[in-house]
Amino acid sequence: MVSVGLTALIALAVVATATLSGIFGMAGGIVLMGMFLVVLPVGSAMMLHGTTQAVSNGYRAFLTRDHIVWSVFSFYIVGAIASLGALGAISFVPDKALVFICVGTVPFAAAALPARFALDITKPGMPVICGFIITLINLVAGVAGPLLDAFFVKSDLTRHQIVATKAITQTLSHLLKLVYFGVLVRQVAIDADGDLATLPWWLYVMVIPCAMLGTTLGTKVLDKISDTNFRKWSQWIILTLGAICIARGVTLWV
């Protein structure tokens, strides 16, 4: 049974984090995943997060559709589908501590990549590799935005192209997360978490307008910041959030 208080908290969290994602194209997903993991079992958190982020990213992609680099997305799809098939074959469902630690580790792993290994999403073959890796991490940790950013930050794309193209790729990854946890490993998740693994249908409906509202607000702010500040603030925000998630995961594990 989902209480009124929990429902209100989820609604506010979705609006706030969608706004954050609308500005930076990431960060909001990590905050939202962390909040969901505090109050929900892993399976439920993944499903609700997937719904919210698919809507948030999908609507952001629609709002910025003129800036999407479609050649990148078309090859990203190939890698993403391959990743879903690979993980689906073993029906893996992570526990909560592992998810927290994986979520927190992603931005640090991205920041630690040597300059000579710059992951430029516009290079040949890179979108396929990106699609496979990002979708794999998204299915295990629930979010992969910071690492996805590493594929874009060294490219010559503008901030609007980055946000728009990341939005469409993340929309696909989160839809595949819904397929994974809602169909492929649904029974495994229910067996692990019991009845709490199934949330009422209206909760999924409720987060849709909340995500759209936050995305609209964030997109308006994006137009007012420079490319330089966009890249600088993104890095600091995401590393801080990563540290918080790692600390939470460690406390659950010990």
Protein backbone atom coordinates (compact mmCIF):
# COMPACT_ATOMS: atom_id res chain seq x y z
CA MET A 1 0.00 0.00 0.00
CA VAL A 2 1.45 3.35 -1.08
CA SER A 3 0.73 6.12 1.44
CA VAL A 4 -0.32 9.68 0.60
CA GLY A 5 2.95 10.98 2.01
CA LEU A 6 5.04 8.64 -0.13
CA THR A 7 3.00 9.56 -3.21
CA ALA A 8 3.59 13.28 -2.62
CA LEU A 9 7.30 12.69 -2.04
CA ILE A 10 7.61 10.76 -5.29
CA ALA A 11 5.77 13.48 -7.23
CA LEU A 12 8.00 16.27 -5.86
CA ALA A 13 11.14 14.21 -6.44
CA VAL A 14 10.21 13.56 -10.06
CA VAL A 15 9.55 17.26 -10.80
CA ALA A 16 12.78 18.39 -9.11
CA THR A 17 15.03 15.77 -10.71
CA ALA A 18 13.46 16.17 -14.16
CA THR A 19 14.23 19.89 -13.90
CA LEU A 20 17.85 19.10 -13.02
CA SER A 21 18.11 16.67 -15.94
CA GLY A 22 16.51 19.22 -18.24
CA ILE A 23 19.35 21.61 -17.48
CA PHE A 24 22.34 19.27 -17.57
CA GLY A 25 20.99 16.26 -19.46
CA MET A 26 21.91 14.10 -16.45
CA ALA A 27 22.31 14.26 -12.63
CA GLY A 28 18.56 14.16 -12.03
CA GLY A 29 18.45 10.46 -12.81
CA ILE A 30 21.03 9.64 -10.13
CA VAL A 31 19.22 11.70 -7.49
CA LEU A 32 15.90 10.09 -8.35
CA MET A 33 17.31 6.56 -8.35
CA GLY A 34 18.88 7.17 -4.96
CA MET A 35 15.60 8.45 -3.52
CA PHE A 36 13.61 5.55 -4.95
CA LEU A 37 16.08 3.02 -3.54
CA VAL A 38 15.60 4.46 -0.06
CA VAL A 39 11.84 3.80 -0.04
CA LEU A 40 11.33 1.00 -2.59
CA PRO A 41 12.78 -2.46 -3.35
CA VAL A 42 15.14 -2.73 -6.32
CA GLY A 43 12.60 -4.10 -8.81
CA SER A 44 10.03 -1.41 -8.04
CA ALA A 45 12.65 1.34 -8.02
CA MET A 46 13.93 0.25 -11.43
CA MET A 47 10.44 0.14 -12.95
CA LEU A 48 9.26 3.49 -11.56
CA HIS A 49 12.60 5.11 -12.36
CA GLY A 50 12.51 3.67 -15.88
CA THR A 51 9.02 5.06 -16.46
CA THR A 52 9.92 8.50 -15.13
CA GLN A 53 13.20 8.77 -17.00
CA ALA A 54 11.76 7.43 -20.26
CA VAL A 55 9.11 10.16 -20.13
CA SER A 56 11.54 12.84 -18.97
CA ASN A 57 14.15 12.03 -21.60
CA GLY A 58 11.57 11.36 -24.28
CA TYR A 59 9.87 14.70 -23.73
CA ARG A 60 13.24 16.46 -23.60
CA ALA A 61 14.16 14.78 -26.90
CA PHE A 62 10.89 16.03 -28.37
CA LEU A 63 11.48 19.59 -27.16
CA THR A 64 15.02 19.59 -28.59
CA ARG A 65 14.33 17.32 -31.60
CA ASP A 66 15.86 19.77 -34.09
CA HIS A 67 19.27 19.24 -32.43
CA ILE A 68 19.29 15.40 -32.32
CA VAL A 69 22.22 13.81 -34.19
CA TRP A 70 20.28 10.90 -35.73
CA SER A 71 23.33 9.20 -37.22
CA VAL A 72 24.64 8.64 -33.68
CA PHE A 73 21.34 7.32 -32.37
CA SER A 74 20.81 4.82 -35.19
CA PHE A 75 24.04 2.97 -34.34
CA TYR A 76 23.43 3.35 -30.59
CA ILE A 77 20.30 1.22 -31.01
CA VAL A 78 22.36 -1.73 -32.26
CA GLY A 79 24.58 -1.80 -29.17
CA ALA A 80 21.66 -1.27 -26.80
CA ILE A 81 19.65 -4.23 -28.14
CA ALA A 82 22.72 -6.48 -27.97
CA SER A 83 23.25 -5.49 -24.32
CA LEU A 84 19.64 -6.29 -23.41
CA GLY A 85 19.96 -9.73 -24.95
CA ALA A 86 23.23 -10.47 -23.16
CA LEU A 87 22.01 -9.58 -19.67
CA GLY A 88 18.55 -11.03 -20.25
CA ALA A 89 20.15 -14.41 -20.90
CA ILE A 90 21.27 -14.67 -17.26
CA SER A 91 18.23 -12.94 -15.61
CA PHE A 92 20.39 -10.88 -13.24
CA VAL A 93 18.68 -8.79 -10.51
CA PRO A 94 21.14 -6.78 -8.31
CA ASP A 95 20.62 -6.13 -4.59
CA LYS A 96 20.16 -2.62 -3.21
CA ALA A 97 23.70 -2.12 -1.88
CA LEU A 98 25.23 -3.10 -5.21
CA VAL A 99 22.95 -0.73 -7.09
CA PHE A 100 23.89 2.21 -4.84
CA ILE A 101 27.61 1.50 -5.26
CA CYS A 102 27.32 1.05 -9.02
CA VAL A 103 25.33 4.28 -9.33
CA GLY A 104 27.99 6.18 -7.38
CA THR A 105 30.93 4.61 -9.18
CA VAL A 106 29.75 5.50 -12.69
CA PRO A 107 30.70 9.23 -12.61
CA PHE A 108 34.12 8.53 -11.08
CA ALA A 109 34.85 5.85 -13.66
CA ALA A 110 33.96 8.32 -16.38
CA ALA A 111 36.14 11.08 -14.86
CA ALA A 112 39.10 8.71 -14.43
CA LEU A 113 39.35 7.85 -18.13
CA PRO A 114 42.76 9.04 -19.46
CA ALA A 115 42.66 11.81 -22.05
CA ARG A 116 44.18 9.50 -24.67
CA PHE A 117 41.12 7.27 -24.34
CA ALA A 118 38.70 10.10 -25.04
CA LEU A 119 35.34 8.60 -25.95
CA ASP A 120 34.11 10.75 -28.82
CA ILE A 121 30.58 9.62 -29.73
CA THR A 122 30.98 10.97 -33.27
CA LYS A 123 33.85 8.59 -34.13
CA PRO A 124 33.07 5.51 -36.27
CA GLY A 125 31.90 2.52 -34.22
CA MET A 126 31.71 4.50 -30.99
CA PRO A 127 27.87 4.80 -30.89
CA VAL A 128 27.55 0.98 -30.98
CA ILE A 129 30.05 0.57 -28.15
CA CYS A 130 28.31 3.34 -26.22
CA GLY A 131 24.90 1.73 -26.69
CA PHE A 132 26.11 -1.63 -25.39
CA ILE A 133 27.98 -0.27 -22.35
CA ILE A 134 25.42 2.34 -21.31
CA THR A 135 22.46 -0.03 -21.57
CA LEU A 136 24.32 -2.73 -19.63
CA ILE A 137 25.11 -0.32 -16.79
CA ASN A 138 21.60 1.10 -16.92
CA LEU A 139 20.14 -2.37 -16.35
CA VAL A 140 22.44 -3.05 -13.40
CA ALA A 141 22.69 0.37 -11.73
CA GLY A 142 19.50 1.99 -13.00
CA VAL A 143 21.38 5.03 -14.32
CA ALA A 144 24.35 5.58 -16.61
CA GLY A 145 24.14 9.29 -17.42
CA PRO A 146 27.60 10.29 -16.13
CA LEU A 147 29.36 7.64 -18.20
CA LEU A 148 27.20 8.51 -21.19
CA ASP A 149 28.40 12.08 -20.78
CA ALA A 150 32.00 10.87 -21.21
CA PHE A 151 31.13 9.83 -24.77
CA PHE A 152 29.88 13.34 -25.55
CA VAL A 153 32.05 15.77 -23.59
CA LYS A 154 35.09 15.39 -25.89
CA SER A 155 33.06 15.77 -29.07
CA ASP A 156 32.56 18.94 -31.11
CA LEU A 157 28.79 18.89 -30.56
CA THR A 158 27.08 21.95 -29.07
CA ARG A 159 25.38 21.81 -25.67
CA HIS A 160 21.98 21.59 -27.36
CA GLN A 161 23.12 18.71 -29.57
CA ILE A 162 24.59 16.95 -26.54
CA VAL A 163 21.44 17.27 -24.45
CA ALA A 164 19.13 16.35 -27.35
CA THR A 165 21.09 13.30 -28.53
CA LYS A 166 21.69 12.05 -25.00
CA ALA A 167 17.98 12.43 -24.34
CA ILE A 168 16.96 10.16 -27.23
CA THR A 169 19.60 7.54 -26.36
CA GLN A 170 18.57 7.54 -22.70
CA THR A 171 14.93 7.25 -23.66
CA LEU A 172 15.73 4.00 -25.43
CA SER A 173 17.86 2.69 -22.55
CA HIS A 174 15.12 3.35 -19.99
CA LEU A 175 12.47 1.75 -22.19
CA LEU A 176 14.69 -1.32 -22.41
CA LYS A 177 14.98 -1.22 -18.61
CA LEU A 178 11.19 -1.44 -18.42
CA VAL A 179 11.26 -4.43 -20.75
CA TYR A 180 13.99 -6.06 -18.67
CA PHE A 181 12.48 -5.61 -15.19
CA GLY A 182 8.86 -5.62 -16.31
CA VAL A 183 9.03 -8.72 -18.53
CA LEU A 184 12.35 -10.59 -18.71
CA VAL A 185 13.19 -10.76 -14.97
CA ARG A 186 9.85 -9.68 -13.45
CA GLN A 187 9.20 -12.92 -11.59
CA VAL A 188 12.77 -13.05 -10.27
CA ALA A 189 12.35 -9.54 -8.82
CA ILE A 190 8.97 -10.39 -7.26
CA ASP A 191 10.37 -13.56 -5.69
CA ALA A 192 13.19 -11.49 -4.17
CA ASP A 193 11.11 -8.56 -2.90
CA GLY A 194 7.63 -10.00 -2.38
CA ASP A 195 4.44 -8.00 -2.93
CA LEU A 196 6.28 -4.69 -2.62
CA ALA A 197 7.81 -5.36 -6.03
CA THR A 198 4.45 -4.51 -7.64
CA LEU A 199 3.36 -0.86 -7.49
CA PRO A 200 -0.17 0.41 -8.31
CA TRP A 201 -0.71 1.40 -11.94
CA TRP A 202 -1.81 4.93 -11.09
CA LEU A 203 1.62 5.71 -9.62
CA TYR A 204 3.20 5.16 -13.02
CA VAL A 205 0.57 7.42 -14.60
CA MET A 206 1.14 10.13 -11.98
CA VAL A 207 4.86 10.51 -12.66
CA ILE A 208 4.32 11.24 -16.36
CA PRO A 209 3.03 14.86 -16.06
CA CYS A 210 5.49 15.47 -13.20
CA ALA A 211 8.40 14.47 -15.42
CA MET A 212 7.11 16.60 -18.29
CA LEU A 213 6.72 19.65 -16.03
CA GLY A 214 10.25 19.36 -14.66
CA THR A 215 11.70 18.79 -18.12
CA THR A 216 10.00 21.92 -19.46
CA LEU A 217 11.38 24.03 -16.61
CA GLY A 218 14.88 22.62 -17.01
CA THR A 219 14.95 23.16 -20.78
CA LYS A 220 14.15 26.85 -20.30
CA VAL A 221 17.11 27.22 -17.92
CA LEU A 222 19.42 25.42 -20.38
CA ASP A 223 18.92 28.23 -22.91
CA LYS A 224 20.32 30.75 -20.42
CA ILE A 225 23.67 29.13 -19.53
CA SER A 226 26.90 29.03 -21.55
CA ASP A 227 28.63 25.93 -22.93
CA THR A 228 31.56 26.54 -20.54
CA ASN A 229 29.43 26.69 -17.40
CA PHE A 230 27.34 23.77 -18.64
CA ARG A 231 30.38 21.47 -18.77
CA LYS A 232 31.95 22.76 -15.53
CA TRP A 233 28.85 22.52 -13.36
CA SER A 234 27.92 19.11 -14.77
CA GLN A 235 31.20 17.59 -13.60
CA TRP A 236 31.05 18.89 -10.03
CA ILE A 237 27.41 18.03 -9.51
CA ILE A 238 27.74 14.50 -10.77
CA LEU A 239 30.86 13.66 -8.73
CA THR A 240 29.24 14.92 -5.53
CA LEU A 241 26.16 12.81 -6.13
CA GLY A 242 28.34 9.80 -6.91
CA ALA A 243 30.17 10.08 -3.59
CA ILE A 244 26.88 10.21 -1.69
CA CYS A 245 25.58 7.08 -3.44
CA ILE A 246 28.78 5.11 -2.79
CA ALA A 247 28.64 6.02 0.92
CA ARG A 248 25.04 4.86 1.11
CA GLY A 249 25.83 1.59 -0.62
CA VAL A 250 28.74 0.84 1.70
CA THR A 251 26.61 1.44 4.79
CA LEU A 252 24.03 -1.05 3.48
CA TRP A 253 26.68 -3.64 2.72
CA VAL A 254 28.55 -3.61 6.04
